[in-house]
Amino acid sequence: MGSVDTKSRRPWELIYFEEFKTRTEAMKREDFLKSGQGRKWLDEKFKK
């Protein structure tokens, strides 16, 4: 069963995808995207 918080917000639409060879690379990217610099990058990439 999914989270009650997100269940009502369906269907999901995938707008961006990155693939990594290792879990370590993916976790480093996630850490970057959660940083101030990474959030700025996301804001610029996905301006509405």
PDB file of N, CA and C in Angstrom:
ATOM      1  N   MET A   1       0.826  -1.197   0.000  1.00  0.00           N
ATOM      2  CA  MET A   1       0.000   0.000   0.000  1.00  0.00           C
ATOM      3  C   MET A   1       0.861   1.249   0.000  1.00  0.00           C
ATOM      4  N   GLY A   2       0.422   2.269  -0.708  1.00  0.00           N
ATOM      5  CA  GLY A   2       1.166   3.521  -0.785  1.00  0.00           C
ATOM      6  C   GLY A   2       0.831   4.452   0.361  1.00  0.00           C
ATOM      7  N   SER A   3       1.529   5.545   0.379  1.00  0.00           N
ATOM      8  CA  SER A   3       1.308   6.566   1.394  1.00  0.00           C
ATOM      9  C   SER A   3      -0.052   7.225   1.193  1.00  0.00           C
ATOM     10  N   VAL A   4      -0.715   7.504   2.283  1.00  0.00           N
ATOM     11  CA  VAL A   4      -2.006   8.181   2.216  1.00  0.00           C
ATOM     12  C   VAL A   4      -1.821   9.593   1.668  1.00  0.00           C
ATOM     13  N   ASP A   5      -0.691  10.223   1.967  1.00  0.00           N
ATOM     14  CA  ASP A   5      -0.433  11.591   1.527  1.00  0.00           C
ATOM     15  C   ASP A   5      -0.324  11.727   0.010  1.00  0.00           C
ATOM     16  N   THR A   6       0.221  10.744  -0.667  1.00  0.00           N
ATOM     17  CA  THR A   6       0.414  10.850  -2.114  1.00  0.00           C
ATOM     18  C   THR A   6      -0.643  10.090  -2.915  1.00  0.00           C
ATOM     19  N   LYS A   7      -1.419   9.273  -2.260  1.00  0.00           N
ATOM     20  CA  LYS A   7      -2.387   8.444  -2.967  1.00  0.00           C
ATOM     21  C   LYS A   7      -3.405   9.278  -3.748  1.00  0.00           C
ATOM     22  N   SER A   8      -3.795  10.419  -3.197  1.00  0.00           N
ATOM     23  CA  SER A   8      -4.801  11.243  -3.865  1.00  0.00           C
ATOM     24  C   SER A   8      -4.227  12.077  -5.006  1.00  0.00           C
ATOM     25  N   ARG A   9      -2.917  12.118  -5.148  1.00  0.00           N
ATOM     26  CA  ARG A   9      -2.283  12.949  -6.179  1.00  0.00           C
ATOM     27  C   ARG A   9      -1.844  12.122  -7.380  1.00  0.00           C
ATOM     28  N   ARG A  10      -2.696  11.241  -7.844  1.00  0.00           N
ATOM     29  CA  ARG A  10      -2.382  10.391  -8.978  1.00  0.00           C
ATOM     30  C   ARG A  10      -3.109  10.873 -10.204  1.00  0.00           C
ATOM     31  N   PRO A  11      -2.731  10.573 -11.397  1.00  0.00           N
ATOM     32  CA  PRO A  11      -1.537   9.814 -11.750  1.00  0.00           C
ATOM     33  C   PRO A  11      -0.286  10.689 -11.730  1.00  0.00           C
ATOM     34  N   TRP A  12       0.844  10.051 -11.550  1.00  0.00           N
ATOM     35  CA  TRP A  12       2.132  10.735 -11.559  1.00  0.00           C
ATOM     36  C   TRP A  12       2.586  10.912 -13.001  1.00  0.00           C
ATOM     37  N   GLU A  13       3.365  11.956 -13.245  1.00  0.00           N
ATOM     38  CA  GLU A  13       3.940  12.177 -14.566  1.00  0.00           C
ATOM     39  C   GLU A  13       5.444  12.329 -14.405  1.00  0.00           C
ATOM     40  N   LEU A  14       6.209  11.464 -15.038  1.00  0.00           N
ATOM     41  CA  LEU A  14       7.663  11.529 -14.982  1.00  0.00           C
ATOM     42  C   LEU A  14       8.132  12.644 -15.903  1.00  0.00           C
ATOM     43  N   ILE A  15       8.841  13.628 -15.336  1.00  0.00           N
ATOM     44  CA  ILE A  15       9.289  14.758 -16.152  1.00  0.00           C
ATOM     45  C   ILE A  15      10.795  14.783 -16.338  1.00  0.00           C
ATOM     46  N   TYR A  16      11.525  13.953 -15.594  1.00  0.00           N
ATOM     47  CA  TYR A  16      12.984  13.942 -15.706  1.00  0.00           C
ATOM     48  C   TYR A  16      13.497  12.622 -15.166  1.00  0.00           C
ATOM     49  N   PHE A  17      14.571  12.116 -15.761  1.00  0.00           N
ATOM     50  CA  PHE A  17      15.113  10.823 -15.360  1.00  0.00           C
ATOM     51  C   PHE A  17      16.626  10.842 -15.495  1.00  0.00           C
ATOM     52  N   GLU A  18      17.310  10.330 -14.507  1.00  0.00           N
ATOM     53  CA  GLU A  18      18.763  10.134 -14.568  1.00  0.00           C
ATOM     54  C   GLU A  18      19.054   8.695 -14.184  1.00  0.00           C
ATOM     55  N   GLU A  19      20.020   8.091 -14.851  1.00  0.00           N
ATOM     56  CA  GLU A  19      20.395   6.715 -14.569  1.00  0.00           C
ATOM     57  C   GLU A  19      21.868   6.668 -14.172  1.00  0.00           C
ATOM     58  N   PHE A  20      22.179   5.846 -13.181  1.00  0.00           N
ATOM     59  CA  PHE A  20      23.544   5.728 -12.681  1.00  0.00           C
ATOM     60  C   PHE A  20      23.959   4.275 -12.647  1.00  0.00           C
ATOM     61  N   LYS A  21      25.254   4.041 -12.804  1.00  0.00           N
ATOM     62  CA  LYS A  21      25.767   2.674 -12.811  1.00  0.00           C
ATOM     63  C   LYS A  21      25.826   2.079 -11.413  1.00  0.00           C
ATOM     64  N   THR A  22      26.023   2.932 -10.418  1.00  0.00           N
ATOM     65  CA  THR A  22      26.126   2.418  -9.052  1.00  0.00           C
ATOM     66  C   THR A  22      25.198   3.184  -8.121  1.00  0.00           C
ATOM     67  N   ARG A  23      24.857   2.542  -7.037  1.00  0.00           N
ATOM     68  CA  ARG A  23      24.036   3.179  -6.014  1.00  0.00           C
ATOM     69  C   ARG A  23      24.777   4.364  -5.402  1.00  0.00           C
ATOM     70  N   THR A  24      26.091   4.237  -5.265  1.00  0.00           N
ATOM     71  CA  THR A  24      26.899   5.311  -4.696  1.00  0.00           C
ATOM     72  C   THR A  24      26.812   6.574  -5.542  1.00  0.00           C
ATOM     73  N   GLU A  25      26.916   6.428  -6.858  1.00  0.00           N
ATOM     74  CA  GLU A  25      26.786   7.585  -7.748  1.00  0.00           C
ATOM     75  C   GLU A  25      25.413   8.230  -7.604  1.00  0.00           C
ATOM     76  N   ALA A  26      24.369   7.412  -7.533  1.00  0.00           N
ATOM     77  CA  ALA A  26      23.005   7.928  -7.407  1.00  0.00           C
ATOM     78  C   ALA A  26      22.827   8.678  -6.085  1.00  0.00           C
ATOM     79  N   MET A  27      23.402   8.157  -5.015  1.00  0.00           N
ATOM     80  CA  MET A  27      23.274   8.800  -3.711  1.00  0.00           C
ATOM     81  C   MET A  27      24.031  10.122  -3.669  1.00  0.00           C
ATOM     82  N   LYS A  28      25.177  10.182  -4.339  1.00  0.00           N
ATOM     83  CA  LYS A  28      25.925  11.443  -4.420  1.00  0.00           C
ATOM     84  C   LYS A  28      25.122  12.489  -5.176  1.00  0.00           C
ATOM     85  N   ARG A  29      24.477  12.066  -6.252  1.00  0.00           N
ATOM     86  CA  ARG A  29      23.649  12.991  -7.035  1.00  0.00           C
ATOM     87  C   ARG A  29      22.459  13.478  -6.206  1.00  0.00           C
ATOM     88  N   GLU A  30      21.858  12.566  -5.468  1.00  0.00           N
ATOM     89  CA  GLU A  30      20.731  12.942  -4.608  1.00  0.00           C
ATOM     90  C   GLU A  30      21.176  13.965  -3.561  1.00  0.00           C
ATOM     91  N   ASP A  31      22.327  13.743  -2.952  1.00  0.00           N
ATOM     92  CA  ASP A  31      22.861  14.693  -1.973  1.00  0.00           C
ATOM     93  C   ASP A  31      23.073  16.065  -2.610  1.00  0.00           C
ATOM     94  N   PHE A  32      23.601  16.075  -3.835  1.00  0.00           N
ATOM     95  CA  PHE A  32      23.801  17.342  -4.535  1.00  0.00           C
ATOM     96  C   PHE A  32      22.468  18.044  -4.772  1.00  0.00           C
ATOM     97  N   LEU A  33      21.475  17.298  -5.274  1.00  0.00           N
ATOM     98  CA  LEU A  33      20.191  17.908  -5.599  1.00  0.00           C
ATOM     99  C   LEU A  33      19.478  18.449  -4.364  1.00  0.00           C
ATOM    100  N   LYS A  34      19.789  17.901  -3.208  1.00  0.00           N
ATOM    101  CA  LYS A  34      19.183  18.373  -1.956  1.00  0.00           C
ATOM    102  C   LYS A  34      19.968  19.535  -1.344  1.00  0.00           C
ATOM    103  N   SER A  35      21.120  19.852  -1.907  1.00  0.00           N
ATOM    104  CA  SER A  35      21.933  20.962  -1.404  1.00  0.00           C
ATOM    105  C   SER A  35      21.411  22.279  -1.976  1.00  0.00           C
ATOM    106  N   GLY A  36      21.896  23.372  -1.470  1.00  0.00           N
ATOM    107  CA  GLY A  36      21.486  24.685  -1.966  1.00  0.00           C
ATOM    108  C   GLY A  36      21.797  24.857  -3.439  1.00  0.00           C
ATOM    109  N   GLN A  37      22.994  24.461  -3.836  1.00  0.00           N
ATOM    110  CA  GLN A  37      23.399  24.574  -5.234  1.00  0.00           C
ATOM    111  C   GLN A  37      22.540  23.665  -6.115  1.00  0.00           C
ATOM    112  N   GLY A  38      22.231  22.478  -5.619  1.00  0.00           N
ATOM    113  CA  GLY A  38      21.403  21.544  -6.378  1.00  0.00           C
ATOM    114  C   GLY A  38      19.981  22.039  -6.525  1.00  0.00           C
ATOM    115  N   ARG A  39      19.433  22.624  -5.480  1.00  0.00           N
ATOM    116  CA  ARG A  39      18.071  23.174  -5.567  1.00  0.00           C
ATOM    117  C   ARG A  39      18.021  24.323  -6.567  1.00  0.00           C
ATOM    118  N   LYS A  40      19.085  25.118  -6.605  1.00  0.00           N
ATOM    119  CA  LYS A  40      19.151  26.204  -7.577  1.00  0.00           C
ATOM    120  C   LYS A  40      19.159  25.623  -8.995  1.00  0.00           C
ATOM    121  N   TRP A  41      19.930  24.566  -9.212  1.00  0.00           N
ATOM    122  CA  TRP A  41      19.993  23.917 -10.516  1.00  0.00           C
ATOM    123  C   TRP A  41      18.607  23.399 -10.916  1.00  0.00           C
ATOM    124  N   LEU A  42      17.917  22.762  -9.967  1.00  0.00           N
ATOM    125  CA  LEU A  42      16.575  22.249 -10.254  1.00  0.00           C
ATOM    126  C   LEU A  42      15.609  23.372 -10.599  1.00  0.00           C
ATOM    127  N   ASP A  43      15.669  24.468  -9.848  1.00  0.00           N
ATOM    128  CA  ASP A  43      14.788  25.610 -10.116  1.00  0.00           C
ATOM    129  C   ASP A  43      15.010  26.162 -11.521  1.00  0.00           C
ATOM    130  N   GLU A  44      16.275  26.248 -11.934  1.00  0.00           N
ATOM    131  CA  GLU A  44      16.584  26.773 -13.258  1.00  0.00           C
ATOM    132  C   GLU A  44      16.161  25.801 -14.355  1.00  0.00           C
ATOM    133  N   LYS A  45      16.351  24.512 -14.120  1.00  0.00           N
ATOM    134  CA  LYS A  45      16.026  23.500 -15.129  1.00  0.00           C
ATOM    135  C   LYS A  45      14.527  23.357 -15.330  1.00  0.00           C
ATOM    136  N   PHE A  46      13.756  23.497 -14.254  1.00  0.00           N
ATOM    137  CA  PHE A  46      12.320  23.232 -14.312  1.00  0.00           C
ATOM    138  C   PHE A  46      11.484  24.485 -14.033  1.00  0.00           C
ATOM    139  N   LYS A  47      11.910  25.608 -14.584  1.00  0.00           N
ATOM    140  CA  LYS A  47      11.109  26.829 -14.458  1.00  0.00           C
ATOM    141  C   LYS A  47       9.753  26.606 -15.103  1.00  0.00           C
ATOM    142  N   LYS A  48       8.718  27.100 -14.445  1.00  0.00           N
ATOM    143  CA  LYS A  48       7.358  26.920 -14.989  1.00  0.00           C
ATOM    144  C   LYS A  48       6.911  28.183 -15.670  1.00  0.00           C
TER     145      LYS A  48
END
